[in-house]
PDB file of N, CA and C in Angstrom:
ATOM      1  N   MET A   1      10.232   2.661   1.411  1.00  0.00           N
ATOM      2  CA  MET A   1      10.344   1.350   0.802  1.00  0.00           C
ATOM      3  C   MET A   1      10.840   1.411  -0.629  1.00  0.00           C
ATOM      4  N   ASP A   2      10.716   2.578  -1.241  1.00  0.00           N
ATOM      5  CA  ASP A   2      11.199   2.707  -2.613  1.00  0.00           C
ATOM      6  C   ASP A   2      12.701   2.424  -2.690  1.00  0.00           C
ATOM      7  N   GLU A   3      13.427   2.820  -1.649  1.00  0.00           N
ATOM      8  CA  GLU A   3      14.870   2.572  -1.608  1.00  0.00           C
ATOM      9  C   GLU A   3      15.160   1.078  -1.552  1.00  0.00           C
ATOM     10  N   LEU A   4      14.398   0.355  -0.768  1.00  0.00           N
ATOM     11  CA  LEU A   4      14.579  -1.091  -0.665  1.00  0.00           C
ATOM     12  C   LEU A   4      14.255  -1.773  -1.983  1.00  0.00           C
ATOM     13  N   LEU A   5      13.192  -1.336  -2.624  1.00  0.00           N
ATOM     14  CA  LEU A   5      12.822  -1.916  -3.915  1.00  0.00           C
ATOM     15  C   LEU A   5      13.893  -1.639  -4.954  1.00  0.00           C
ATOM     16  N   GLU A   6      14.441  -0.449  -4.928  1.00  0.00           N
ATOM     17  CA  GLU A   6      15.518  -0.113  -5.873  1.00  0.00           C
ATOM     18  C   GLU A   6      16.744  -0.985  -5.624  1.00  0.00           C
ATOM     19  N   ARG A   7      17.086  -1.185  -4.364  1.00  0.00           N
ATOM     20  CA  ARG A   7      18.210  -2.080  -4.037  1.00  0.00           C
ATOM     21  C   ARG A   7      17.925  -3.493  -4.517  1.00  0.00           C
ATOM     22  N   ALA A   8      16.684  -3.936  -4.393  1.00  0.00           N
ATOM     23  CA  ALA A   8      16.308  -5.283  -4.836  1.00  0.00           C
ATOM     24  C   ALA A   8      16.468  -5.418  -6.348  1.00  0.00           C
ATOM     25  N   ARG A   9      16.187  -4.364  -7.073  1.00  0.00           N
ATOM     26  CA  ARG A   9      16.318  -4.407  -8.529  1.00  0.00           C
ATOM     27  C   ARG A   9      17.774  -4.376  -8.979  1.00  0.00           C
ATOM     28  N   ILE A  10      18.586  -3.577  -8.287  1.00  0.00           N
ATOM     29  CA  ILE A  10      19.971  -3.361  -8.709  1.00  0.00           C
ATOM     30  C   ILE A  10      20.904  -4.483  -8.269  1.00  0.00           C
ATOM     31  N   ASN A  11      20.835  -4.833  -6.993  1.00  0.00           N
ATOM     32  CA  ASN A  11      21.749  -5.841  -6.453  1.00  0.00           C
ATOM     33  C   ASN A  11      20.973  -6.775  -5.548  1.00  0.00           C
ATOM     34  N   ARG A  12      20.494  -7.853  -6.120  1.00  0.00           N
ATOM     35  CA  ARG A  12      19.644  -8.805  -5.381  1.00  0.00           C
ATOM     36  C   ARG A  12      20.343  -9.426  -4.181  1.00  0.00           C
ATOM     37  N   GLN A  13      21.649  -9.448  -4.205  1.00  0.00           N
ATOM     38  CA  GLN A  13      22.393 -10.091  -3.116  1.00  0.00           C
ATOM     39  C   GLN A  13      22.622  -9.172  -1.939  1.00  0.00           C
ATOM     40  N   SER A  14      22.160  -7.917  -2.021  1.00  0.00           N
ATOM     41  CA  SER A  14      22.436  -6.957  -0.958  1.00  0.00           C
ATOM     42  C   SER A  14      21.355  -6.915   0.117  1.00  0.00           C
ATOM     43  N   LEU A  15      20.249  -7.623  -0.085  1.00  0.00           N
ATOM     44  CA  LEU A  15      19.152  -7.561   0.880  1.00  0.00           C
ATOM     45  C   LEU A  15      19.284  -8.639   1.951  1.00  0.00           C
ATOM     46  N   THR A  16      19.084  -8.224   3.181  1.00  0.00           N
ATOM     47  CA  THR A  16      19.001  -9.205   4.260  1.00  0.00           C
ATOM     48  C   THR A  16      17.597  -9.804   4.223  1.00  0.00           C
ATOM     49  N   PHE A  17      17.414 -10.899   4.942  1.00  0.00           N
ATOM     50  CA  PHE A  17      16.095 -11.525   4.999  1.00  0.00           C
ATOM     51  C   PHE A  17      15.090 -10.568   5.638  1.00  0.00           C
ATOM     52  N   LYS A  18      15.524  -9.833   6.657  1.00  0.00           N
ATOM     53  CA  LYS A  18      14.635  -8.841   7.299  1.00  0.00           C
ATOM     54  C   LYS A  18      14.225  -7.760   6.308  1.00  0.00           C
ATOM     55  N   ASP A  19      15.162  -7.312   5.465  1.00  0.00           N
ATOM     56  CA  ASP A  19      14.842  -6.325   4.423  1.00  0.00           C
ATOM     57  C   ASP A  19      13.754  -6.870   3.492  1.00  0.00           C
ATOM     58  N   LEU A  20      13.920  -8.125   3.091  1.00  0.00           N
ATOM     59  CA  LEU A  20      12.959  -8.729   2.170  1.00  0.00           C
ATOM     60  C   LEU A  20      11.583  -8.843   2.837  1.00  0.00           C
ATOM     61  N   GLN A  21      11.560  -9.211   4.108  1.00  0.00           N
ATOM     62  CA  GLN A  21      10.294  -9.284   4.831  1.00  0.00           C
ATOM     63  C   GLN A  21       9.622  -7.908   4.890  1.00  0.00           C
ATOM     64  N   GLN A  22      10.392  -6.878   5.144  1.00  0.00           N
ATOM     65  CA  GLN A  22       9.845  -5.520   5.184  1.00  0.00           C
ATOM     66  C   GLN A  22       9.269  -5.131   3.831  1.00  0.00           C
ATOM     67  N   LEU A  23       9.965  -5.471   2.775  1.00  0.00           N
ATOM     68  CA  LEU A  23       9.513  -5.159   1.432  1.00  0.00           C
ATOM     69  C   LEU A  23       8.194  -5.869   1.127  1.00  0.00           C
ATOM     70  N   VAL A  24       8.127  -7.141   1.452  1.00  0.00           N
ATOM     71  CA  VAL A  24       6.914  -7.935   1.222  1.00  0.00           C
ATOM     72  C   VAL A  24       5.739  -7.348   2.008  1.00  0.00           C
ATOM     73  N   GLU A  25       5.960  -7.029   3.267  1.00  0.00           N
ATOM     74  CA  GLU A  25       4.888  -6.505   4.108  1.00  0.00           C
ATOM     75  C   GLU A  25       4.467  -5.099   3.686  1.00  0.00           C
ATOM     76  N   SER A  26       5.414  -4.297   3.207  1.00  0.00           N
ATOM     77  CA  SER A  26       5.062  -2.946   2.756  1.00  0.00           C
ATOM     78  C   SER A  26       4.239  -2.991   1.475  1.00  0.00           C
ATOM     79  N   ALA A  27       4.317  -4.095   0.756  1.00  0.00           N
ATOM     80  CA  ALA A  27       3.526  -4.273  -0.461  1.00  0.00           C
ATOM     81  C   ALA A  27       2.124  -4.806  -0.145  1.00  0.00           C
ATOM     82  N   GLY A  28       1.817  -4.943   1.134  1.00  0.00           N
ATOM     83  CA  GLY A  28       0.476  -5.347   1.531  1.00  0.00           C
ATOM     84  C   GLY A  28       0.290  -6.832   1.765  1.00  0.00           C
ATOM     85  N   PHE A  29       1.350  -7.612   1.680  1.00  0.00           N
ATOM     86  CA  PHE A  29       1.248  -9.037   1.955  1.00  0.00           C
ATOM     87  C   PHE A  29       1.290  -9.264   3.456  1.00  0.00           C
ATOM     88  N   ARG A  30       0.572 -10.274   3.912  1.00  0.00           N
ATOM     89  CA  ARG A  30       0.546 -10.606   5.326  1.00  0.00           C
ATOM     90  C   ARG A  30       1.056 -12.032   5.523  1.00  0.00           C
ATOM     91  N   LEU A  31       1.767 -12.214   6.604  1.00  0.00           N
ATOM     92  CA  LEU A  31       2.310 -13.533   6.919  1.00  0.00           C
ATOM     93  C   LEU A  31       1.169 -14.484   7.229  1.00  0.00           C
ATOM     94  N   LYS A  32       1.075 -15.544   6.458  1.00  0.00           N
ATOM     95  CA  LYS A  32       0.011 -16.529   6.660  1.00  0.00           C
ATOM     96  C   LYS A  32       0.468 -17.633   7.604  1.00  0.00           C
ATOM     97  N   ARG A  33       1.704 -18.120   7.370  1.00  0.00           N
ATOM     98  CA  ARG A  33       2.219 -19.176   8.251  1.00  0.00           C
ATOM     99  C   ARG A  33       3.736 -19.282   8.110  1.00  0.00           C
ATOM    100  N   VAL A  34       4.334 -19.908   9.107  1.00  0.00           N
ATOM    101  CA  VAL A  34       5.760 -20.226   9.084  1.00  0.00           C
ATOM    102  C   VAL A  34       5.883 -21.711   9.388  1.00  0.00           C
ATOM    103  N   ARG A  35       6.552 -22.421   8.493  1.00  0.00           N
ATOM    104  CA  ARG A  35       6.830 -23.843   8.711  1.00  0.00           C
ATOM    105  C   ARG A  35       8.318 -24.049   8.538  1.00  0.00           C
ATOM    106  N   GLY A  36       8.999 -24.293   9.628  1.00  0.00           N
ATOM    107  CA  GLY A  36      10.445 -24.394   9.566  1.00  0.00           C
ATOM    108  C   GLY A  36      11.000 -23.034   9.191  1.00  0.00           C
ATOM    109  N   SER A  37      11.732 -22.975   8.100  1.00  0.00           N
ATOM    110  CA  SER A  37      12.289 -21.694   7.662  1.00  0.00           C
ATOM    111  C   SER A  37      11.429 -21.033   6.583  1.00  0.00           C
ATOM    112  N   HIS A  38      10.339 -21.685   6.178  1.00  0.00           N
ATOM    113  CA  HIS A  38       9.489 -21.162   5.106  1.00  0.00           C
ATOM    114  C   HIS A  38       8.474 -20.163   5.656  1.00  0.00           C
ATOM    115  N   HIS A  39       8.546 -18.953   5.154  1.00  0.00           N
ATOM    116  CA  HIS A  39       7.610 -17.897   5.523  1.00  0.00           C
ATOM    117  C   HIS A  39       6.686 -17.676   4.329  1.00  0.00           C
ATOM    118  N   VAL A  40       5.398 -17.920   4.519  1.00  0.00           N
ATOM    119  CA  VAL A  40       4.424 -17.840   3.441  1.00  0.00           C
ATOM    120  C   VAL A  40       3.561 -16.599   3.625  1.00  0.00           C
ATOM    121  N   TYR A  41       3.547 -15.757   2.594  1.00  0.00           N
ATOM    122  CA  TYR A  41       2.785 -14.503   2.612  1.00  0.00           C
ATOM    123  C   TYR A  41       1.706 -14.547   1.541  1.00  0.00           C
ATOM    124  N   THR A  42       0.556 -13.957   1.863  1.00  0.00           N
ATOM    125  CA  THR A  42      -0.534 -13.843   0.891  1.00  0.00           C
ATOM    126  C   THR A  42      -1.086 -12.428   0.927  1.00  0.00           C
ATOM    127  N   ARG A  43      -1.818 -12.103  -0.123  1.00  0.00           N
ATOM    128  CA  ARG A  43      -2.498 -10.809  -0.179  1.00  0.00           C
ATOM    129  C   ARG A  43      -3.820 -11.000  -0.899  1.00  0.00           C
ATOM    130  N   GLU A  44      -4.854 -10.468  -0.324  1.00  0.00           N
ATOM    131  CA  GLU A  44      -6.179 -10.569  -0.918  1.00  0.00           C
ATOM    132  C   GLU A  44      -6.174  -9.918  -2.299  1.00  0.00           C
ATOM    133  N   GLY A  45      -6.771 -10.610  -3.263  1.00  0.00           N
ATOM    134  CA  GLY A  45      -6.855 -10.082  -4.612  1.00  0.00           C
ATOM    135  C   GLY A  45      -5.688 -10.460  -5.504  1.00  0.00           C
ATOM    136  N   ILE A  46      -4.687 -11.124  -4.934  1.00  0.00           N
ATOM    137  CA  ILE A  46      -3.525 -11.556  -5.722  1.00  0.00           C
ATOM    138  C   ILE A  46      -3.390 -13.066  -5.569  1.00  0.00           C
ATOM    139  N   VAL A  47      -3.381 -13.779  -6.693  1.00  0.00           N
ATOM    140  CA  VAL A  47      -3.378 -15.241  -6.629  1.00  0.00           C
ATOM    141  C   VAL A  47      -2.017 -15.813  -6.248  1.00  0.00           C
ATOM    142  N   GLU A  48      -0.945 -15.114  -6.597  1.00  0.00           N
ATOM    143  CA  GLU A  48       0.381 -15.610  -6.269  1.00  0.00           C
ATOM    144  C   GLU A  48       0.624 -15.504  -4.764  1.00  0.00           C
ATOM    145  N   ILE A  49       1.304 -16.516  -4.235  1.00  0.00           N
ATOM    146  CA  ILE A  49       1.757 -16.444  -2.854  1.00  0.00           C
ATOM    147  C   ILE A  49       3.256 -16.198  -2.873  1.00  0.00           C
ATOM    148  N   ILE A  50       3.756 -15.690  -1.771  1.00  0.00           N
ATOM    149  CA  ILE A  50       5.195 -15.475  -1.638  1.00  0.00           C
ATOM    150  C   ILE A  50       5.696 -16.429  -0.570  1.00  0.00           C
ATOM    151  N   ASN A  51       6.657 -17.263  -0.943  1.00  0.00           N
ATOM    152  CA  ASN A  51       7.253 -18.237  -0.036  1.00  0.00           C
ATOM    153  C   ASN A  51       8.751 -17.931   0.011  1.00  0.00           C
ATOM    154  N   ILE A  52       9.213 -17.425   1.142  1.00  0.00           N
ATOM    155  CA  ILE A  52      10.619 -17.030   1.237  1.00  0.00           C
ATOM    156  C   ILE A  52      11.296 -17.746   2.412  1.00  0.00           C
ATOM    157  N   GLN A  53      12.580 -17.989   2.246  1.00  0.00           N
ATOM    158  CA  GLN A  53      13.391 -18.595   3.288  1.00  0.00           C
ATOM    159  C   GLN A  53      14.726 -17.853   3.359  1.00  0.00           C
ATOM    160  N   PRO A  54      15.269 -17.710   4.565  1.00  0.00           N
ATOM    161  CA  PRO A  54      16.573 -17.058   4.679  1.00  0.00           C
ATOM    162  C   PRO A  54      17.708 -17.985   4.257  1.00  0.00           C
ATOM    163  N   LYS A  55      18.798 -17.371   3.861  1.00  0.00           N
ATOM    164  CA  LYS A  55      20.056 -18.099   3.628  1.00  0.00           C
ATOM    165  C   LYS A  55      21.050 -17.454   4.578  1.00  0.00           C
ATOM    166  N   GLY A  56      21.110 -17.976   5.799  1.00  0.00           N
ATOM    167  CA  GLY A  56      21.831 -17.300   6.871  1.00  0.00           C
ATOM    168  C   GLY A  56      21.046 -16.069   7.246  1.00  0.00           C
ATOM    169  N   LYS A  57      21.676 -14.905   7.226  1.00  0.00           N
ATOM    170  CA  LYS A  57      20.978 -13.640   7.485  1.00  0.00           C
ATOM    171  C   LYS A  57      20.466 -12.991   6.215  1.00  0.00           C
ATOM    172  N   MET A  58      20.870 -13.509   5.081  1.00  0.00           N
ATOM    173  CA  MET A  58      20.572 -12.866   3.803  1.00  0.00           C
ATOM    174  C   MET A  58      19.336 -13.482   3.138  1.00  0.00           C
ATOM    175  N   ALA A  59      18.765 -12.711   2.223  1.00  0.00           N
ATOM    176  CA  ALA A  59      17.666 -13.194   1.394  1.00  0.00           C
ATOM    177  C   ALA A  59      18.252 -13.921   0.187  1.00  0.00           C
ATOM    178  N   LYS A  60      17.520 -14.892  -0.314  1.00  0.00           N
ATOM    179  CA  LYS A  60      17.957 -15.597  -1.513  1.00  0.00           C
ATOM    180  C   LYS A  60      17.707 -14.699  -2.732  1.00  0.00           C
ATOM    181  N   PRO A  61      18.723 -14.495  -3.565  1.00  0.00           N
ATOM    182  CA  PRO A  61      18.591 -13.571  -4.703  1.00  0.00           C
ATOM    183  C   PRO A  61      17.411 -13.876  -5.632  1.00  0.00           C
ATOM    184  N   TYR A  62      17.128 -15.148  -5.899  1.00  0.00           N
ATOM    185  CA  TYR A  62      16.022 -15.448  -6.804  1.00  0.00           C
ATOM    186  C   TYR A  62      14.680 -15.090  -6.172  1.00  0.00           C
ATOM    187  N   GLN A  63      14.589 -15.155  -4.848  1.00  0.00           N
ATOM    188  CA  GLN A  63      13.352 -14.767  -4.178  1.00  0.00           C
ATOM    189  C   GLN A  63      13.195 -13.240  -4.159  1.00  0.00           C
ATOM    190  N   VAL A  64      14.309 -12.528  -4.042  1.00  0.00           N
ATOM    191  CA  VAL A  64      14.270 -11.064  -4.136  1.00  0.00           C
ATOM    192  C   VAL A  64      13.753 -10.668  -5.512  1.00  0.00           C
ATOM    193  N   ARG A  65      14.232 -11.334  -6.564  1.00  0.00           N
ATOM    194  CA  ARG A  65      13.777 -11.067  -7.927  1.00  0.00           C
ATOM    195  C   ARG A  65      12.281 -11.349  -8.066  1.00  0.00           C
ATOM    196  N   GLN A  66      11.813 -12.453  -7.490  1.00  0.00           N
ATOM    197  CA  GLN A  66      10.404 -12.802  -7.583  1.00  0.00           C
ATOM    198  C   GLN A  66       9.521 -11.754  -6.890  1.00  0.00           C
ATOM    199  N   VAL A  67       9.929 -11.331  -5.700  1.00  0.00           N
ATOM    200  CA  VAL A  67       9.158 -10.339  -4.941  1.00  0.00           C
ATOM    201  C   VAL A  67       9.122  -9.012  -5.702  1.00  0.00           C
ATOM    202  N   ALA A  68      10.278  -8.558  -6.185  1.00  0.00           N
ATOM    203  CA  ALA A  68      10.331  -7.297  -6.944  1.00  0.00           C
ATOM    204  C   ALA A  68       9.460  -7.399  -8.196  1.00  0.00           C
ATOM    205  N   GLY A  69       9.469  -8.555  -8.828  1.00  0.00           N
ATOM    206  CA  GLY A  69       8.647  -8.764 -10.018  1.00  0.00           C
ATOM    207  C   GLY A  69       7.156  -8.660  -9.721  1.00  0.00           C
ATOM    208  N   LEU A  70       6.717  -9.253  -8.614  1.00  0.00           N
ATOM    209  CA  LEU A  70       5.304  -9.164  -8.230  1.00  0.00           C
ATOM    210  C   LEU A  70       4.906  -7.734  -7.890  1.00  0.00           C
ATOM    211  N   ILE A  71       5.777  -7.035  -7.194  1.00  0.00           N
ATOM    212  CA  ILE A  71       5.497  -5.640  -6.833  1.00  0.00           C
ATOM    213  C   ILE A  71       5.349  -4.803  -8.098  1.00  0.00           C
ATOM    214  N   ASP A  72       6.234  -5.023  -9.062  1.00  0.00           N
ATOM    215  CA  ASP A  72       6.158  -4.283 -10.321  1.00  0.00           C
ATOM    216  C   ASP A  72       4.934  -4.691 -11.139  1.00  0.00           C
ATOM    217  N   LYS A  73       4.671  -5.985 -11.183  1.00  0.00           N
ATOM    218  CA  LYS A  73       3.545  -6.502 -11.988  1.00  0.00           C
ATOM    219  C   LYS A  73       2.222  -5.888 -11.554  1.00  0.00           C
ATOM    220  N   TYR A  74       2.013  -5.771 -10.256  1.00  0.00           N
ATOM    221  CA  TYR A  74       0.743  -5.272  -9.738  1.00  0.00           C
ATOM    222  C   TYR A  74       0.804  -3.803  -9.297  1.00  0.00           C
ATOM    223  N   GLY A  75       1.979  -3.181  -9.406  1.00  0.00           N
ATOM    224  CA  GLY A  75       2.118  -1.781  -8.993  1.00  0.00           C
ATOM    225  C   GLY A  75       1.793  -1.578  -7.526  1.00  0.00           C
ATOM    226  N   LEU A  76       2.267  -2.478  -6.679  1.00  0.00           N
ATOM    227  CA  LEU A  76       1.828  -2.503  -5.280  1.00  0.00           C
ATOM    228  C   LEU A  76       2.317  -1.331  -4.441  1.00  0.00           C
ATOM    229  N   LEU A  77       3.522  -0.889  -4.603  1.00  0.00           N
ATOM    230  CA  LEU A  77       4.011   0.198  -3.746  1.00  0.00           C
ATOM    231  C   LEU A  77       3.511   1.551  -4.223  1.00  0.00           C
ATOM    232  N   LYS A  78       2.977   1.624  -5.407  1.00  0.00           N
ATOM    233  CA  LYS A  78       2.460   2.881  -5.932  1.00  0.00           C
ATOM    234  C   LYS A  78       1.145   3.282  -5.264  1.00  0.00           C
ATOM    235  N   GLU A  79       0.416   2.280  -4.730  1.00  0.00           N
ATOM    236  CA  GLU A  79      -0.895   2.566  -4.140  1.00  0.00           C
ATOM    237  C   GLU A  79      -0.769   3.157  -2.748  1.00  0.00           C
ATOM    238  N   ARG A  80       0.379   3.098  -2.128  1.00  0.00           N
ATOM    239  CA  ARG A  80       0.528   3.575  -0.750  1.00  0.00           C
ATOM    240  C   ARG A  80       1.029   4.972  -0.705  1.00  0.00           C
TER     241      ARG A  80
END
């Protein structure tokens, strides 16, 4: 997952929506619900929720930035 996180930091437009979902789940977030195209993820002990939607097959760049920021803020991938 470190490779995916690095790609997210360098080129936010290069991640597919599936890549972003993998990154979110590898950080310990679990899918809480899906409403339409909105995928809502939560993680115990973290107040922020992650709400992501695809743009075609790709992830939205601002959402990639938000996810990478949360992972860095809490050091989530370092614990695994």
